[in-house]
Structure formats: C-alpha cells, structure tokens
C-alpha cells in the first residue's frame, strides 16, 4: 500500500529557540519524543521500551526546522519539524510532516497528538 505525507499544526507557547532545543538535542527529544536519544554525527538513535530505531538528520536550520529520515523509510520519505511564527498572534507554530499508509494516518495523528501533549508539558507550554 502506498504511503502518503500528512501535515499537522500545533500552537506551542514557547520561543522558537527553546522549541528547537526540544526538537534537535538528545536531552530535549528524550523528554517528549522517545524514552532515550543518542547522537553520533548525523545519526540519531531513538529508544522506546528497549527497542532502538535509527534516523539520519538530513536537514536543519537552527530555530526554524529539522528533518530526519528513518533508516527503514523510502528515500523520498522523512519526518520534519518546522517552526513558524504567526505574525498576527505572535504564536509559535510547530508544523509536523510525516508519512504513513493511508489506513494508518488517523492512528499516526493520534500518536503525534499524544507526543505533542508531552512536548507542551515538558516545555511549559
């Protein structure tokens, strides 16, 4: 079955600098995204319940965006965190892009919602 990209937007009550730290550093990611996180160069190792999944950092712009590719993903698939600022409300907006099979997108959205809830709690948002 074909995998499709989907995009989610979340308001995060945090500065782009603080948010970027939660999205890009092992200590930040381990507070909300995974149980553990280690970095070796551009290789990130994420741990959940004793299982390790590896992803490669393929692009980053400090305080603006970070894009990873799971080692198990197709070459044209990635997951990305984009930090935007709403000029009217001055809110920080986190845009998450990910890929999933059509039948799994709703479950993936629920998973992201849960993870972003943890991010908000950890970041004081």
Foldseek 3Di string as FASTA:
>chain_A
DDKDKDKDKDWAQDQLQLVLCLVPDQVNVCQFPAVGWDDDPQKIWGHHPRDTWIWGWDDDDHSAKTWIGTPPDDPVFIWMWGWDADPVVRTIMTMIMGMDHPVCPVVVVVVVVRRVVSSNVVSVD
